[in-house]
Amino acid sequence: MRVMLQWKWLKTQHLRLRQAKTEIVSASKVAYHSELENHEELMIRQQQPQDEAEAPLRQNSRHDI
């Protein structure tokens, strides 16, 4: 009887650990993708002023052709 209770307790602990691991992995993936999106948005924002600064140069080069 005691062995059965220990087995059930171990099984319960194992399931809890698996669930916790799954939650941690999921949270890590969400955090990673969020960080990746933030980085992409930052790169886009940094590129926009450069594009705006180069726009007159591109227009001038078209007139030269």
PDB file of N, CA and C in Angstrom:
ATOM      1  N   MET A   1       0.825  -1.197   0.000  1.00  0.00           N
ATOM      2  CA  MET A   1       0.000   0.000   0.000  1.00  0.00           C
ATOM      3  C   MET A   1       0.870   1.262   0.000  1.00  0.00           C
ATOM      4  N   ARG A   2       1.891   1.243   0.835  1.00  0.00           N
ATOM      5  CA  ARG A   2       2.771   2.400   0.930  1.00  0.00           C
ATOM      6  C   ARG A   2       3.502   2.644  -0.400  1.00  0.00           C
ATOM      7  N   VAL A   3       3.899   1.566  -1.047  1.00  0.00           N
ATOM      8  CA  VAL A   3       4.581   1.679  -2.335  1.00  0.00           C
ATOM      9  C   VAL A   3       3.649   2.303  -3.372  1.00  0.00           C
ATOM     10  N   MET A   4       2.379   1.936  -3.352  1.00  0.00           N
ATOM     11  CA  MET A   4       1.402   2.509  -4.287  1.00  0.00           C
ATOM     12  C   MET A   4       1.257   4.012  -4.065  1.00  0.00           C
ATOM     13  N   LEU A   5       1.213   4.434  -2.812  1.00  0.00           N
ATOM     14  CA  LEU A   5       1.093   5.862  -2.515  1.00  0.00           C
ATOM     15  C   LEU A   5       2.336   6.621  -2.984  1.00  0.00           C
ATOM     16  N   GLN A   6       3.499   6.020  -2.759  1.00  0.00           N
ATOM     17  CA  GLN A   6       4.738   6.652  -3.214  1.00  0.00           C
ATOM     18  C   GLN A   6       4.752   6.751  -4.740  1.00  0.00           C
ATOM     19  N   TRP A   7       4.298   5.691  -5.395  1.00  0.00           N
ATOM     20  CA  TRP A   7       4.259   5.685  -6.858  1.00  0.00           C
ATOM     21  C   TRP A   7       3.331   6.783  -7.380  1.00  0.00           C
ATOM     22  N   LYS A   8       2.157   6.900  -6.775  1.00  0.00           N
ATOM     23  CA  LYS A   8       1.202   7.932  -7.194  1.00  0.00           C
ATOM     24  C   LYS A   8       1.784   9.327  -6.965  1.00  0.00           C
ATOM     25  N   TRP A   9       2.451   9.495  -5.829  1.00  0.00           N
ATOM     26  CA  TRP A   9       3.054  10.788  -5.522  1.00  0.00           C
ATOM     27  C   TRP A   9       4.136  11.127  -6.556  1.00  0.00           C
ATOM     28  N   LEU A  10       4.989  10.144  -6.867  1.00  0.00           N
ATOM     29  CA  LEU A  10       6.043  10.358  -7.858  1.00  0.00           C
ATOM     30  C   LEU A  10       5.457  10.672  -9.236  1.00  0.00           C
ATOM     31  N   LYS A  11       4.420   9.954  -9.599  1.00  0.00           N
ATOM     32  CA  LYS A  11       3.778  10.185 -10.886  1.00  0.00           C
ATOM     33  C   LYS A  11       3.192  11.599 -10.945  1.00  0.00           C
ATOM     34  N   THR A  12       2.560  12.013  -9.853  1.00  0.00           N
ATOM     35  CA  THR A  12       1.995  13.362  -9.779  1.00  0.00           C
ATOM     36  C   THR A  12       3.095  14.415  -9.904  1.00  0.00           C
ATOM     37  N   GLN A  13       4.192  14.204  -9.185  1.00  0.00           N
ATOM     38  CA  GLN A  13       5.312  15.153  -9.254  1.00  0.00           C
ATOM     39  C   GLN A  13       5.887  15.215 -10.670  1.00  0.00           C
ATOM     40  N   HIS A  14       5.997  14.055 -11.284  1.00  0.00           N
ATOM     41  CA  HIS A  14       6.517  13.990 -12.653  1.00  0.00           C
ATOM     42  C   HIS A  14       5.618  14.776 -13.607  1.00  0.00           C
ATOM     43  N   LEU A  15       4.315  14.595 -13.478  1.00  0.00           N
ATOM     44  CA  LEU A  15       3.379  15.322 -14.341  1.00  0.00           C
ATOM     45  C   LEU A  15       3.455  16.826 -14.096  1.00  0.00           C
ATOM     46  N   ARG A  16       3.605  17.215 -12.833  1.00  0.00           N
ATOM     47  CA  ARG A  16       3.731  18.645 -12.515  1.00  0.00           C
ATOM     48  C   ARG A  16       5.004  19.231 -13.124  1.00  0.00           C
ATOM     49  N   LEU A  17       6.087  18.482 -13.035  1.00  0.00           N
ATOM     50  CA  LEU A  17       7.346  18.953 -13.615  1.00  0.00           C
ATOM     51  C   LEU A  17       7.247  19.075 -15.132  1.00  0.00           C
ATOM     52  N   ARG A  18       6.608  18.102 -15.762  1.00  0.00           N
ATOM     53  CA  ARG A  18       6.427  18.170 -17.219  1.00  0.00           C
ATOM     54  C   ARG A  18       5.598  19.381 -17.606  1.00  0.00           C
ATOM     55  N   GLN A  19       4.530  19.638 -16.837  1.00  0.00           N
ATOM     56  CA  GLN A  19       3.673  20.787 -17.115  1.00  0.00           C
ATOM     57  C   GLN A  19       4.455  22.089 -16.928  1.00  0.00           C
ATOM     58  N   ALA A  20       5.231  22.163 -15.858  1.00  0.00           N
ATOM     59  CA  ALA A  20       6.035  23.365 -15.612  1.00  0.00           C
ATOM     60  C   ALA A  20       7.051  23.568 -16.734  1.00  0.00           C
ATOM     61  N   LYS A  21       7.676  22.496 -17.167  1.00  0.00           N
ATOM     62  CA  LYS A  21       8.650  22.587 -18.262  1.00  0.00           C
ATOM     63  C   LYS A  21       7.970  23.093 -19.531  1.00  0.00           C
ATOM     64  N   THR A  22       6.793  22.557 -19.830  1.00  0.00           N
ATOM     65  CA  THR A  22       6.044  22.981 -21.012  1.00  0.00           C
ATOM     66  C   THR A  22       5.722  24.470 -20.933  1.00  0.00           C
ATOM     67  N   GLU A  23       5.298  24.929 -19.759  1.00  0.00           N
ATOM     68  CA  GLU A  23       4.971  26.344 -19.589  1.00  0.00           C
ATOM     69  C   GLU A  23       6.205  27.223 -19.752  1.00  0.00           C
ATOM     70  N   ILE A  24       7.334  26.772 -19.222  1.00  0.00           N
ATOM     71  CA  ILE A  24       8.570  27.547 -19.339  1.00  0.00           C
ATOM     72  C   ILE A  24       9.010  27.625 -20.793  1.00  0.00           C
ATOM     73  N   VAL A  25       8.951  26.507 -21.493  1.00  0.00           N
ATOM     74  CA  VAL A  25       9.348  26.496 -22.903  1.00  0.00           C
ATOM     75  C   VAL A  25       8.420  27.398 -23.714  1.00  0.00           C
ATOM     76  N   SER A  26       7.133  27.326 -23.448  1.00  0.00           N
ATOM     77  CA  SER A  26       6.176  28.173 -24.170  1.00  0.00           C
ATOM     78  C   SER A  26       6.443  29.648 -23.894  1.00  0.00           C
ATOM     79  N   ALA A  27       6.666  29.983 -22.636  1.00  0.00           N
ATOM     80  CA  ALA A  27       6.949  31.377 -22.281  1.00  0.00           C
ATOM     81  C   ALA A  27       8.245  31.848 -22.925  1.00  0.00           C
ATOM     82  N   SER A  28       9.224  30.974 -22.985  1.00  0.00           N
ATOM     83  CA  SER A  28      10.501  31.330 -23.614  1.00  0.00           C
ATOM     84  C   SER A  28      10.317  31.595 -25.100  1.00  0.00           C
ATOM     85  N   LYS A  29       9.514  30.767 -25.755  1.00  0.00           N
ATOM     86  CA  LYS A  29       9.258  30.959 -27.188  1.00  0.00           C
ATOM     87  C   LYS A  29       8.536  32.276 -27.430  1.00  0.00           C
ATOM     88  N   VAL A  30       7.546  32.574 -26.594  1.00  0.00           N
ATOM     89  CA  VAL A  30       6.805  33.825 -26.734  1.00  0.00           C
ATOM     90  C   VAL A  30       7.747  35.008 -26.530  1.00  0.00           C
ATOM     91  N   ALA A  31       8.581  34.926 -25.504  1.00  0.00           N
ATOM     92  CA  ALA A  31       9.526  36.015 -25.232  1.00  0.00           C
ATOM     93  C   ALA A  31      10.510  36.179 -26.386  1.00  0.00           C
ATOM     94  N   TYR A  32      10.992  35.080 -26.930  1.00  0.00           N
ATOM     95  CA  TYR A  32      11.942  35.136 -28.051  1.00  0.00           C
ATOM     96  C   TYR A  32      11.299  35.791 -29.269  1.00  0.00           C
ATOM     97  N   HIS A  33      10.085  35.370 -29.607  1.00  0.00           N
ATOM     98  CA  HIS A  33       9.416  35.926 -30.782  1.00  0.00           C
ATOM     99  C   HIS A  33       9.074  37.401 -30.570  1.00  0.00           C
ATOM    100  N   SER A  34       8.711  37.760 -29.346  1.00  0.00           N
ATOM    101  CA  SER A  34       8.429  39.153 -29.037  1.00  0.00           C
ATOM    102  C   SER A  34       9.692  39.997 -29.192  1.00  0.00           C
ATOM    103  N   GLU A  35      10.804  39.486 -28.687  1.00  0.00           N
ATOM    104  CA  GLU A  35      12.080  40.194 -28.813  1.00  0.00           C
ATOM    105  C   GLU A  35      12.482  40.322 -30.283  1.00  0.00           C
ATOM    106  N   LEU A  36      12.246  39.282 -31.049  1.00  0.00           N
ATOM    107  CA  LEU A  36      12.560  39.303 -32.480  1.00  0.00           C
ATOM    108  C   LEU A  36      11.721  40.356 -33.206  1.00  0.00           C
ATOM    109  N   GLU A  37      10.432  40.424 -32.887  1.00  0.00           N
ATOM    110  CA  GLU A  37       9.557  41.429 -33.497  1.00  0.00           C
ATOM    111  C   GLU A  37      10.004  42.837 -33.118  1.00  0.00           C
ATOM    112  N   ASN A  38      10.371  43.027 -31.837  1.00  0.00           N
ATOM    113  CA  ASN A  38      10.842  44.344 -31.402  1.00  0.00           C
ATOM    114  C   ASN A  38      12.101  44.746 -32.164  1.00  0.00           C
ATOM    115  N   HIS A  39      12.990  43.798 -32.363  1.00  0.00           N
ATOM    116  CA  HIS A  39      14.229  44.075 -33.097  1.00  0.00           C
ATOM    117  C   HIS A  39      13.923  44.435 -34.554  1.00  0.00           C
ATOM    118  N   GLU A  40      13.002  43.706 -35.169  1.00  0.00           N
ATOM    119  CA  GLU A  40      12.633  43.994 -36.558  1.00  0.00           C
ATOM    120  C   GLU A  40      12.009  45.381 -36.681  1.00  0.00           C
ATOM    121  N   GLU A  41      11.135  45.735 -35.726  1.00  0.00           N
ATOM    122  CA  GLU A  41      10.513  47.057 -35.750  1.00  0.00           C
ATOM    123  C   GLU A  41      11.563  48.148 -35.585  1.00  0.00           C
ATOM    124  N   LEU A  42      12.526  47.917 -34.704  1.00  0.00           N
ATOM    125  CA  LEU A  42      13.598  48.886 -34.501  1.00  0.00           C
ATOM    126  C   LEU A  42      14.412  49.064 -35.776  1.00  0.00           C
ATOM    127  N   MET A  43      14.720  47.969 -36.443  1.00  0.00           N
ATOM    128  CA  MET A  43      15.493  48.044 -37.687  1.00  0.00           C
ATOM    129  C   MET A  43      14.710  48.806 -38.759  1.00  0.00           C
ATOM    130  N   ILE A  44      13.407  48.590 -38.829  1.00  0.00           N
ATOM    131  CA  ILE A  44      12.568  49.302 -39.804  1.00  0.00           C
ATOM    132  C   ILE A  44      12.557  50.793 -39.492  1.00  0.00           C
ATOM    133  N   ARG A  45      12.394  51.142 -38.197  1.00  0.00           N
ATOM    134  CA  ARG A  45      12.382  52.556 -37.808  1.00  0.00           C
ATOM    135  C   ARG A  45      13.721  53.226 -38.098  1.00  0.00           C
ATOM    136  N   GLN A  46      14.802  52.506 -37.913  1.00  0.00           N
ATOM    137  CA  GLN A  46      16.119  53.081 -38.197  1.00  0.00           C
ATOM    138  C   GLN A  46      16.326  53.246 -39.697  1.00  0.00           C
ATOM    139  N   GLN A  47      15.732  52.388 -40.491  1.00  0.00           N
ATOM    140  CA  GLN A  47      15.904  52.432 -41.947  1.00  0.00           C
ATOM    141  C   GLN A  47      15.091  53.568 -42.573  1.00  0.00           C
ATOM    142  N   GLN A  48      13.942  53.905 -41.986  1.00  0.00           N
ATOM    143  CA  GLN A  48      13.064  54.919 -42.577  1.00  0.00           C
ATOM    144  C   GLN A  48      13.739  56.285 -42.730  1.00  0.00           C
ATOM    145  N   PRO A  49      14.406  56.818 -41.698  1.00  0.00           N
ATOM    146  CA  PRO A  49      15.066  58.123 -41.900  1.00  0.00           C
ATOM    147  C   PRO A  49      16.144  58.058 -42.992  1.00  0.00           C
ATOM    148  N   GLN A  50      16.824  56.950 -43.070  1.00  0.00           N
ATOM    149  CA  GLN A  50      17.850  56.787 -44.105  1.00  0.00           C
ATOM    150  C   GLN A  50      17.196  56.790 -45.486  1.00  0.00           C
ATOM    151  N   ASP A  51      16.066  56.100 -45.623  1.00  0.00           N
ATOM    152  CA  ASP A  51      15.348  56.078 -46.905  1.00  0.00           C
ATOM    153  C   ASP A  51      14.869  57.484 -47.279  1.00  0.00           C
ATOM    154  N   GLU A  52      14.363  58.220 -46.281  1.00  0.00           N
ATOM    155  CA  GLU A  52      13.880  59.574 -46.545  1.00  0.00           C
ATOM    156  C   GLU A  52      15.029  60.488 -46.956  1.00  0.00           C
ATOM    157  N   ALA A  53      16.179  60.303 -46.344  1.00  0.00           N
ATOM    158  CA  ALA A  53      17.341  61.134 -46.683  1.00  0.00           C
ATOM    159  C   ALA A  53      17.850  60.814 -48.085  1.00  0.00           C
ATOM    160  N   GLU A  54      17.732  59.579 -48.503  1.00  0.00           N
ATOM    161  CA  GLU A  54      18.229  59.176 -49.818  1.00  0.00           C
ATOM    162  C   GLU A  54      17.219  59.431 -50.937  1.00  0.00           C
ATOM    163  N   ALA A  55      15.968  59.690 -50.601  1.00  0.00           N
ATOM    164  CA  ALA A  55      14.929  59.877 -51.614  1.00  0.00           C
ATOM    165  C   ALA A  55      15.269  61.002 -52.592  1.00  0.00           C
ATOM    166  N   PRO A  56      15.697  62.193 -52.134  1.00  0.00           N
ATOM    167  CA  PRO A  56      16.042  63.252 -53.109  1.00  0.00           C
ATOM    168  C   PRO A  56      17.189  62.838 -54.027  1.00  0.00           C
ATOM    169  N   LEU A  57      18.121  62.085 -53.510  1.00  0.00           N
ATOM    170  CA  LEU A  57      19.235  61.631 -54.343  1.00  0.00           C
ATOM    171  C   LEU A  57      18.740  60.718 -55.453  1.00  0.00           C
ATOM    172  N   ARG A  58      17.807  59.855 -55.127  1.00  0.00           N
ATOM    173  CA  ARG A  58      17.250  58.953 -56.143  1.00  0.00           C
ATOM    174  C   ARG A  58      16.478  59.739 -57.192  1.00  0.00           C
ATOM    175  N   GLN A  59      15.731  60.760 -56.756  1.00  0.00           N
ATOM    176  CA  GLN A  59      14.972  61.566 -57.714  1.00  0.00           C
ATOM    177  C   GLN A  59      15.920  62.324 -58.639  1.00  0.00           C
ATOM    178  N   ASN A  60      16.991  62.866 -58.080  1.00  0.00           N
ATOM    179  CA  ASN A  60      17.967  63.597 -58.899  1.00  0.00           C
ATOM    180  C   ASN A  60      18.622  62.672 -59.912  1.00  0.00           C
ATOM    181  N   SER A  61      18.912  61.472 -59.527  1.00  0.00           N
ATOM    182  CA  SER A  61      19.576  60.558 -60.452  1.00  0.00           C
ATOM    183  C   SER A  61      18.641  60.179 -61.599  1.00  0.00           C
ATOM    184  N   ARG A  62      17.345  60.180 -61.381  1.00  0.00           N
ATOM    185  CA  ARG A  62      16.396  59.891 -62.458  1.00  0.00           C
ATOM    186  C   ARG A  62      16.385  61.026 -63.482  1.00  0.00           C
ATOM    187  N   HIS A  63      16.508  62.264 -63.007  1.00  0.00           N
ATOM    188  CA  HIS A  63      16.504  63.409 -63.919  1.00  0.00           C
ATOM    189  C   HIS A  63      17.769  63.445 -64.769  1.00  0.00           C
ATOM    190  N   ASP A  64      18.838  62.909 -64.238  1.00  0.00           N
ATOM    191  CA  ASP A  64      20.111  62.912 -64.968  1.00  0.00           C
ATOM    192  C   ASP A  64      20.100  61.947 -66.145  1.00  0.00           C
ATOM    193  N   ILE A  65      19.244  60.961 -66.107  1.00  0.00           N
ATOM    194  CA  ILE A  65      19.260  59.918 -67.144  1.00  0.00           C
ATOM    195  C   ILE A  65      18.661  60.410 -68.433  1.00  0.00           C
TER     196      ILE A  65
END
